[in-house]
Amino acid sequence: MLKYGIFGNPVASSKSPEIYNQFCELNNIDAFYNRFSTSNNNELIYLANELNLDGFNITAPLKSKLKGLNVAIPSNIYNTSVKFEDSYQLYNTDKAYLSKILTSKLPKNKRILIIGAGDTGKMAAGLLHSFNLNFDVVCRNPDSKFQEYLFLSKKIIDIENLNKVIYRYDIIINTLKHSQQYLNTSFLLENQIVIDSIYQEPFFDKITCKENYHSGLEWLIEQAKYSIAYYFPEYLDSLQNFLPDLSQEFSKSNIILIGYMGAGKTSIAKELSYKLNMNFIDTDELIENVEGQLIADIFEQFGEETFRRTEYSVLNKLKNVENTVISLGGASIFHRDIFKILKLNSTVIWIYTDISSIMQRVNFSNRPLYKNPEEFLALFETRKDDYFRGSDLVISNNVDINVAINKIYNELLIKR
């Protein structure tokens, strides 16, 4: 299986996996695209290498922070990485999409405004500069941040003045979330062309004429198609008419934590349920309550087959639970029919912990599947792809469990 994903924070609400996975399913490509929550450059590199990713996308706040990756093509701001042999090639598909739009819209006498000075705003500024086009930038704290704009833009404007100046421009490139708080929401941009990079809770679609508005969803899909062309160049013909369905909005009541034994699922689930005011279930504890024995004793007296039957029965009873954080046993996902049903109403999070950390924290006397280090490692490697494909979000838990808990909490708080 080929493995891809998007790194960023927050990232739980990203629609990118829907685009890539729909394309792979349509073309029978054995690949899966997941979400990785991190704002840490070192963690990104660690996970990309540890899971041997074939490629990945980068969103805020990482587009200009990535360092230390073995790269074949250096860049300053990028959002797409493709692995070739032992190195990664980096691209900016946001730039490719925006370049295509601008070349069709931009006579040189047009007045252009960029809203926002983050990584996407910087990319837009560099692109306009390469076209020898003048532009202004609206941003927060213009006197203290993003001094590189002083060399590229004609003028830097404090965002508090956005409402006063926006009418002066013919083309507006919005890269800032919640820019509506600086605008009079009752007016209409009748003649301006708006190119919006924001697809979650957009605003400019409400004040721009439809024929002049390029939505953030359009931006997301088109830049993703450029990335797909890098990932799967042999499928270019299929890509031309590909239009993913992103209309479905899923409201899921439960949270399921999956991962290898010793990953920290139960500890994280307990604390997470408290912080989110949700119920808590640990399937291993339920099995022990049903059988009146420890799991290790069940294995010893009756064997793994008996344990798996009880496990299946316990999982089957969870199909209708609501508002619950569920910690699944390490092999529960292999009851595929039940797991598929549980996923329908659950956000599934893979708690990834590397094998060396697991070996340090686990009491193997209570782990019936542990026979020797070699087999333990082999089982760990065998399950990686199933955890990857079975989850909606990947969280690393190698150092401080509180960091992992807070990361999940913040991701889900924003998603909900």
Protein backbone atom coordinates (compact mmCIF):
# COMPACT_ATOMS: atom_id res chain seq x y z
CA MET A 1 0.00 0.00 0.00
CA LEU A 2 1.20 3.49 -0.88
CA LYS A 3 0.90 5.96 1.99
CA TYR A 4 0.28 9.71 1.79
CA GLY A 5 -1.00 12.36 4.14
CA ILE A 6 -1.34 15.97 5.13
CA PHE A 7 0.65 17.51 8.00
CA GLY A 8 -0.53 20.57 9.89
CA ASN A 9 -2.26 21.87 13.00
CA PRO A 10 -5.22 21.98 13.08
CA VAL A 11 -5.83 19.35 10.43
CA ALA A 12 -8.72 17.15 11.64
CA SER A 13 -11.22 19.04 9.47
CA SER A 14 -9.11 18.93 6.31
CA LYS A 15 -10.98 17.71 3.24
CA SER A 16 -7.78 16.70 1.47
CA PRO A 17 -8.12 12.99 2.36
CA GLU A 18 -11.55 12.92 0.73
CA ILE A 19 -10.05 14.22 -2.53
CA TYR A 20 -7.09 11.86 -2.69
CA ASN A 21 -8.90 8.76 -1.43
CA GLN A 22 -11.77 9.27 -3.86
CA PHE A 23 -9.28 9.48 -6.72
CA CYS A 24 -7.47 6.33 -5.58
CA GLU A 25 -10.72 4.43 -5.19
CA LEU A 26 -11.92 5.56 -8.61
CA ASN A 27 -8.72 4.31 -10.24
CA ASN A 28 -8.22 1.18 -8.10
CA ILE A 29 -4.94 2.49 -6.69
CA ASP A 30 -3.78 0.66 -3.55
CA ALA A 31 -3.07 3.81 -1.56
CA PHE A 32 -4.44 5.71 1.41
CA TYR A 33 -4.19 9.36 2.43
CA ASN A 34 -4.41 10.37 6.11
CA ARG A 35 -4.11 13.39 8.41
CA PHE A 36 -1.14 14.04 10.73
CA SER A 37 -1.56 16.59 13.49
CA THR A 38 1.69 18.40 14.16
CA SER A 39 3.12 21.90 14.13
CA ASN A 40 6.60 20.56 14.80
CA ASN A 41 9.13 20.27 11.99
CA ASN A 42 11.06 17.44 13.66
CA GLU A 43 7.90 15.42 14.30
CA LEU A 44 6.88 15.75 10.66
CA ILE A 45 10.23 14.41 9.47
CA TYR A 46 10.16 11.65 12.08
CA LEU A 47 6.69 10.43 11.07
CA ALA A 48 7.36 10.68 7.32
CA ASN A 49 10.45 8.52 7.72
CA GLU A 50 9.07 6.19 10.41
CA LEU A 51 5.99 5.36 8.35
CA ASN A 52 7.87 5.45 5.04
CA LEU A 53 5.43 7.85 3.43
CA ASP A 54 5.45 7.97 -0.37
CA GLY A 55 4.49 11.62 -0.33
CA PHE A 56 2.73 14.23 1.75
CA ASN A 57 1.17 17.67 1.74
CA ILE A 58 1.94 20.46 4.18
CA THR A 59 -0.43 23.07 5.52
CA ALA A 60 -0.18 25.76 8.19
CA PRO A 61 1.98 26.30 10.12
CA LEU A 62 4.61 24.15 8.38
CA LYS A 63 4.88 25.37 4.78
CA SER A 64 7.99 27.47 5.39
CA LYS A 65 9.36 25.61 8.44
CA LEU A 66 10.43 22.25 7.06
CA LYS A 67 14.13 21.65 7.61
CA GLY A 68 16.26 18.56 7.89
CA LEU A 69 14.42 16.51 5.29
CA ASN A 70 16.56 14.85 2.63
CA VAL A 71 15.33 16.90 -0.33
CA ALA A 72 16.29 16.84 -3.98
CA ILE A 73 14.77 20.22 -4.87
CA PRO A 74 15.10 23.00 -2.26
CA SER A 75 12.42 25.63 -1.85
CA ASN A 76 11.33 28.26 0.65
CA ILE A 77 7.57 27.69 0.74
CA TYR A 78 6.02 24.45 -0.45
CA ASN A 79 3.04 22.22 0.19
CA THR A 80 3.73 18.97 -1.66
CA SER A 81 6.44 16.38 -1.19
CA VAL A 82 7.02 13.29 -3.32
CA LYS A 83 9.48 10.55 -2.46
CA PHE A 84 11.88 9.38 -5.14
CA GLU A 85 14.24 6.66 -3.94
CA ASP A 86 15.91 8.09 -0.82
CA SER A 87 15.01 11.76 -1.17
CA TYR A 88 11.95 13.98 -1.37
CA GLN A 89 11.17 16.42 -4.16
CA LEU A 90 9.25 19.50 -3.05
CA TYR A 91 6.67 21.48 -4.97
CA ASN A 92 4.15 24.24 -4.40
CA THR A 93 0.87 23.29 -6.01
CA ASP A 94 -0.85 26.35 -4.50
CA LYS A 95 1.52 28.36 -6.67
CA ALA A 96 0.71 26.26 -9.73
CA TYR A 97 -3.03 26.83 -9.30
CA LEU A 98 -2.71 30.55 -8.58
CA SER A 99 -0.37 31.02 -11.53
CA LYS A 100 -2.95 29.45 -13.82
CA ILE A 101 -5.70 31.77 -12.56
CA LEU A 102 -3.59 34.90 -12.64
CA THR A 103 -2.29 34.41 -16.16
CA SER A 104 -5.88 34.37 -17.38
CA LYS A 105 -7.04 37.34 -15.29
CA LEU A 106 -4.20 39.81 -15.11
CA PRO A 107 -3.55 42.60 -17.57
CA LYS A 108 -0.69 44.59 -16.11
CA ASN A 109 -2.79 47.62 -15.26
CA LYS A 110 -4.93 45.73 -12.73
CA ARG A 111 -4.73 46.82 -9.10
CA ILE A 112 -4.07 43.80 -6.88
CA LEU A 113 -4.48 43.32 -3.13
CA ILE A 114 -3.26 40.37 -1.06
CA ILE A 115 -5.06 39.89 2.24
CA GLY A 116 -2.84 38.11 4.76
CA ALA A 117 0.89 37.65 5.12
CA GLY A 118 1.24 34.02 6.14
CA ASP A 119 2.88 31.37 4.00
CA THR A 120 0.15 31.44 1.34
CA GLY A 121 0.28 35.23 1.22
CA LYS A 122 4.05 35.13 0.85
CA MET A 123 3.73 32.64 -1.98
CA ALA A 124 1.22 34.90 -3.76
CA ALA A 125 3.51 37.90 -3.30
CA GLY A 126 6.49 36.07 -4.74
CA LEU A 127 4.43 34.90 -7.71
CA LEU A 128 3.12 38.39 -8.49
CA HIS A 129 6.61 39.78 -8.17
CA SER A 130 7.87 37.19 -10.68
CA PHE A 131 5.18 38.44 -13.10
CA ASN A 132 6.47 42.04 -12.59
CA LEU A 133 3.09 43.06 -11.22
CA ASN A 134 2.54 45.68 -8.56
CA PHE A 135 0.41 44.77 -5.56
CA ASP A 136 -0.39 45.88 -2.02
CA VAL A 137 -0.62 43.73 1.10
CA VAL A 138 -3.06 43.97 3.98
CA CYS A 139 -1.85 42.30 7.17
CA ARG A 140 -1.74 42.51 10.93
CA ASN A 141 1.11 44.45 12.57
CA PRO A 142 2.61 45.67 9.28
CA ASP A 143 5.38 47.60 11.02
CA SER A 144 6.83 44.61 12.83
CA LYS A 145 6.24 41.57 10.63
CA PHE A 146 6.94 40.28 7.14
CA GLN A 147 9.54 42.86 6.22
CA GLU A 148 10.25 41.01 2.98
CA TYR A 149 7.07 42.58 1.63
CA LEU A 150 8.74 45.95 1.75
CA PHE A 151 10.90 44.80 -1.14
CA LEU A 152 8.09 43.19 -3.14
CA SER A 153 4.89 45.12 -2.56
CA LYS A 154 4.08 48.71 -3.36
CA LYS A 155 2.38 49.29 -0.02
CA ILE A 156 1.73 47.44 3.25
CA ILE A 157 -1.59 48.34 4.85
CA ASP A 158 -2.79 47.72 8.39
CA ILE A 159 -5.68 45.28 8.31
CA GLU A 160 -7.77 47.64 10.42
CA ASN A 161 -8.04 49.75 7.25
CA LEU A 162 -9.19 46.90 5.00
CA ASN A 163 -12.78 48.13 4.89
CA LYS A 164 -11.63 51.54 3.63
CA VAL A 165 -9.31 50.37 0.87
CA ILE A 166 -10.78 47.17 -0.55
CA TYR A 167 -12.85 49.04 -3.17
CA ARG A 168 -9.68 50.42 -4.79
CA TYR A 169 -8.59 47.05 -6.13
CA ASP A 170 -9.58 45.01 -9.16
CA ILE A 171 -8.26 41.66 -7.94
CA ILE A 172 -8.27 40.47 -4.33
CA ILE A 173 -6.34 37.39 -3.19
CA ASN A 174 -7.60 36.38 0.23
CA THR A 175 -5.35 34.14 2.33
CA LEU A 176 -6.65 35.11 5.77
CA LYS A 177 -9.29 33.29 7.80
CA HIS A 178 -11.98 35.43 9.44
CA SER A 179 -11.11 38.49 7.37
CA GLN A 180 -14.81 39.44 7.56
CA GLN A 181 -14.28 40.89 11.02
CA TYR A 182 -12.46 43.77 9.35
CA LEU A 183 -15.12 44.39 6.69
CA ASN A 184 -18.59 45.88 6.43
CA THR A 185 -20.57 42.71 5.77
CA SER A 186 -23.48 44.54 4.11
CA PHE A 187 -21.66 45.71 0.99
CA LEU A 188 -21.16 43.92 -2.33
CA LEU A 189 -17.98 43.68 -4.40
CA GLU A 190 -19.66 44.15 -7.76
CA ASN A 191 -16.69 44.30 -10.13
CA GLN A 192 -13.76 42.86 -8.19
CA ILE A 193 -12.35 39.42 -8.90
CA VAL A 194 -11.79 37.51 -5.66
CA ILE A 195 -9.45 34.52 -5.45
CA ASP A 196 -10.10 32.91 -2.07
CA SER A 197 -7.83 30.34 -0.42
CA ILE A 198 -10.22 29.80 2.52
CA TYR A 199 -12.66 26.91 2.08
CA GLN A 200 -13.80 26.39 5.67
CA GLU A 201 -16.34 29.01 6.71
CA PRO A 202 -15.69 31.24 3.68
CA PHE A 203 -16.96 34.80 3.65
CA PHE A 204 -16.14 36.42 0.32
CA ASP A 205 -18.61 34.19 -1.54
CA LYS A 206 -21.37 36.13 0.18
CA ILE A 207 -20.22 39.58 -1.01
CA THR A 208 -18.77 38.80 -4.44
CA CYS A 209 -20.59 38.33 -7.74
CA LYS A 210 -20.64 34.61 -8.51
CA GLU A 211 -18.95 34.95 -11.90
CA ASN A 212 -16.03 36.82 -10.30
CA TYR A 213 -15.46 34.50 -7.35
CA HIS A 214 -12.89 31.70 -7.25
CA SER A 215 -13.69 29.75 -4.11
CA GLY A 216 -11.38 28.24 -1.56
CA LEU A 217 -12.90 24.86 -2.41
CA GLU A 218 -11.91 25.37 -6.05
CA TRP A 219 -8.40 26.28 -4.87
CA LEU A 220 -8.24 23.18 -2.67
CA ILE A 221 -9.36 20.81 -5.41
CA GLU A 222 -7.24 22.27 -8.20
CA GLN A 223 -4.02 22.39 -6.19
CA ALA A 224 -4.74 18.81 -5.05
CA LYS A 225 -5.01 17.74 -8.70
CA TYR A 226 -1.52 19.12 -9.30
CA SER A 227 -0.30 17.10 -6.30
CA ILE A 228 -2.03 13.97 -7.60
CA ALA A 229 -0.25 14.46 -10.91
CA TYR A 230 3.06 14.30 -9.03
CA TYR A 231 1.96 11.30 -6.95
CA PHE A 232 0.40 9.30 -9.79
CA PRO A 233 1.71 10.61 -13.15
CA GLU A 234 0.47 7.51 -14.96
CA TYR A 235 -3.14 8.53 -14.23
CA LEU A 236 -3.12 11.96 -15.89
CA ASP A 237 -5.93 11.06 -18.29
CA SER A 238 -8.23 10.14 -15.41
CA LEU A 239 -7.29 13.32 -13.57
CA GLN A 240 -8.52 15.70 -16.27
CA ASN A 241 -12.23 15.15 -15.58
CA PHE A 242 -11.92 14.23 -11.92
CA LEU A 243 -14.24 16.18 -9.61
CA PRO A 244 -14.42 14.92 -6.02
CA ASP A 245 -17.64 15.02 -4.03
CA LEU A 246 -16.97 17.17 -0.96
CA SER A 247 -20.59 17.94 -0.19
CA GLN A 248 -21.05 15.52 2.69
CA GLU A 249 -20.59 16.84 6.20
CA PHE A 250 -20.19 14.16 8.85
CA SER A 251 -21.11 14.79 12.46
CA LYS A 252 -19.68 11.89 14.44
CA SER A 253 -20.61 11.31 18.04
CA ASN A 254 -17.77 9.04 19.19
CA ILE A 255 -14.00 9.00 19.27
CA ILE A 256 -12.13 5.72 18.78
CA LEU A 257 -8.46 5.33 19.64
CA ILE A 258 -6.58 2.54 17.89
CA GLY A 259 -2.95 1.47 17.95
CA TYR A 260 -0.49 -1.14 19.08
CA MET A 261 -0.38 -2.47 22.62
CA GLY A 262 1.40 -0.03 24.91
CA ALA A 263 0.73 2.99 22.68
CA GLY A 264 -1.09 4.80 25.52
CA LYS A 265 -4.64 4.47 24.18
CA THR A 266 -6.38 3.82 27.50
CA SER A 267 -4.61 6.61 29.40
CA ILE A 268 -5.28 9.10 26.63
CA ALA A 269 -8.91 8.01 26.24
CA LYS A 270 -9.65 8.42 29.95
CA GLU A 271 -8.26 11.94 30.11
CA LEU A 272 -9.79 12.91 26.79
CA SER A 273 -13.26 11.77 27.87
CA TYR A 274 -12.94 13.93 30.98
CA LYS A 275 -11.80 17.01 29.05
CA LEU A 276 -14.53 16.61 26.42
CA ASN A 277 -17.26 15.62 28.91
CA MET A 278 -17.80 12.29 27.16
CA ASN A 279 -18.25 8.72 28.32
CA PHE A 280 -15.29 6.33 28.39
CA ILE A 281 -15.04 2.68 27.35
CA ASP A 282 -12.00 0.43 27.25
CA THR A 283 -12.81 -2.74 25.32
CA ASP A 284 -10.14 -4.80 27.11
CA GLU A 285 -11.71 -3.86 30.45
CA LEU A 286 -15.15 -4.81 29.12
CA ILE A 287 -13.87 -8.21 28.06
CA GLU A 288 -12.35 -8.80 31.48
CA ASN A 289 -15.67 -7.86 33.11
CA VAL A 290 -17.60 -10.21 30.83
CA GLU A 291 -15.26 -13.15 31.43
CA GLY A 292 -14.46 -12.35 35.06
CA GLN A 293 -10.76 -12.87 34.28
CA LEU A 294 -7.73 -10.94 33.21
CA ILE A 295 -7.01 -11.05 29.49
CA ALA A 296 -3.71 -12.82 30.13
CA ASP A 297 -5.59 -15.58 31.99
CA ILE A 298 -8.16 -15.92 29.20
CA PHE A 299 -5.38 -16.46 26.69
CA GLU A 300 -3.62 -18.93 28.95
CA GLN A 301 -6.67 -21.03 29.84
CA PHE A 302 -8.80 -20.85 26.70
CA GLY A 303 -6.54 -19.56 23.92
CA GLU A 304 -6.68 -16.61 21.55
CA GLU A 305 -9.67 -17.91 19.58
CA THR A 306 -11.93 -17.77 22.64
CA PHE A 307 -10.68 -14.28 23.44
CA ARG A 308 -11.40 -13.07 19.91
CA ARG A 309 -14.97 -14.40 20.07
CA THR A 310 -15.59 -12.50 23.29
CA GLU A 311 -13.92 -9.42 21.80
CA TYR A 312 -16.22 -9.61 18.77
CA SER A 313 -19.27 -9.88 21.02
CA VAL A 314 -18.19 -6.87 23.09
CA LEU A 315 -17.54 -4.74 19.99
CA ASN A 316 -20.90 -5.70 18.56
CA LYS A 317 -22.62 -4.20 21.62
CA LEU A 318 -20.92 -0.84 21.00
CA LYS A 319 -22.60 -0.16 17.66
CA ASN A 320 -25.21 2.13 19.17
CA VAL A 321 -23.20 4.00 21.79
CA GLU A 322 -23.11 7.80 21.62
CA ASN A 323 -20.84 10.54 22.99
CA THR A 324 -18.14 8.06 24.00
CA VAL A 325 -14.36 7.85 23.79
CA ILE A 326 -13.50 4.22 23.06
CA SER A 327 -10.08 2.66 23.52
CA LEU A 328 -9.89 -0.40 21.29
CA GLY A 329 -7.66 -3.40 21.85
CA GLY A 330 -4.70 -3.61 19.51
CA ALA A 331 -6.29 -6.18 17.17
CA SER A 332 -9.93 -5.03 17.38
CA ILE A 333 -9.76 -3.40 13.97
CA PHE A 334 -9.40 -6.85 12.41
CA HIS A 335 -13.04 -7.56 13.23
CA ARG A 336 -13.57 -5.64 10.03
CA ASP A 337 -17.36 -5.86 9.72
CA ILE A 338 -17.95 -4.46 13.22
CA PHE A 339 -15.15 -1.90 12.95
CA LYS A 340 -16.65 -0.61 9.69
CA ILE A 341 -19.95 0.00 11.47
CA LEU A 342 -18.27 1.66 14.46
CA LYS A 343 -16.44 4.03 12.12
CA LEU A 344 -19.69 5.39 10.72
CA ASN A 345 -20.31 7.36 13.92
CA SER A 346 -16.73 7.74 15.15
CA THR A 347 -13.62 9.77 14.48
CA VAL A 348 -10.84 7.16 14.53
CA ILE A 349 -7.43 8.27 15.80
CA TRP A 350 -4.30 6.17 15.49
CA ILE A 351 -2.07 6.71 18.53
CA TYR A 352 1.34 6.10 17.04
CA THR A 353 4.15 5.17 19.41
CA ASP A 354 7.43 3.77 18.11
CA ILE A 355 8.52 0.31 19.14
CA SER A 356 11.40 1.44 21.35
CA SER A 357 9.06 3.62 23.45
CA ILE A 358 6.56 0.76 23.72
CA MET A 359 9.26 -1.66 24.85
CA GLN A 360 10.23 0.72 27.64
CA ARG A 361 6.74 1.29 29.01
CA VAL A 362 5.00 -2.10 28.68
CA ASN A 363 4.76 -4.74 31.41
CA PHE A 364 5.10 -7.80 29.21
CA SER A 365 3.98 -10.20 31.91
CA ASN A 366 0.43 -8.96 31.21
CA ARG A 367 0.76 -9.12 27.41
CA PRO A 368 -0.23 -12.58 26.16
CA LEU A 369 0.87 -11.93 22.57
CA TYR A 370 4.41 -11.08 23.62
CA LYS A 371 6.72 -14.03 23.10
CA ASN A 372 10.04 -12.46 22.17
CA PRO A 373 11.30 -9.08 20.90
CA GLU A 374 11.60 -10.26 17.30
CA GLU A 375 8.00 -11.46 17.03
CA PHE A 376 6.75 -8.42 18.92
CA LEU A 377 8.48 -6.13 16.41
CA ALA A 378 7.26 -8.19 13.45
CA LEU A 379 3.65 -7.93 14.66
CA PHE A 380 4.09 -4.18 15.15
CA GLU A 381 5.31 -3.74 11.56
CA THR A 382 2.57 -5.99 10.18
CA ARG A 383 -0.20 -3.89 11.74
CA LYS A 384 1.06 -0.47 10.67
CA ASP A 385 -0.75 -0.37 7.34
CA ASP A 386 -4.03 -1.49 8.92
CA TYR A 387 -3.85 1.21 11.57
CA PHE A 388 -2.99 3.76 8.90
CA ARG A 389 -5.87 2.84 6.60
CA GLY A 390 -8.33 2.43 9.47
CA SER A 391 -7.85 5.90 10.98
CA ASP A 392 -8.94 9.47 10.24
CA LEU A 393 -6.10 11.15 12.12
CA VAL A 394 -2.61 10.18 13.31
CA ILE A 395 -1.22 11.44 16.62
CA SER A 396 2.31 10.71 17.80
CA ASN A 397 2.72 9.72 21.46
CA ASN A 398 6.42 9.12 22.02
CA VAL A 399 7.43 11.67 24.63
CA ASP A 400 4.78 13.36 26.79
CA ILE A 401 1.30 11.87 26.92
CA ASN A 402 -0.15 15.25 27.90
CA VAL A 403 1.09 16.72 24.62
CA ALA A 404 -0.79 14.01 22.71
CA ILE A 405 -3.94 14.54 24.82
CA ASN A 406 -3.94 18.30 24.31
CA LYS A 407 -3.27 17.93 20.60
CA ILE A 408 -6.28 15.63 20.16
CA TYR A 409 -8.42 17.86 22.38
CA ASN A 410 -7.62 20.97 20.35
CA GLU A 411 -8.10 19.20 17.03
CA LEU A 412 -11.51 17.82 17.98
CA LEU A 413 -12.61 21.03 19.67
CA ILE A 414 -12.07 22.89 16.40
CA LYS A 415 -13.68 20.11 14.34
CA ARG A 416 -16.77 20.06 16.51
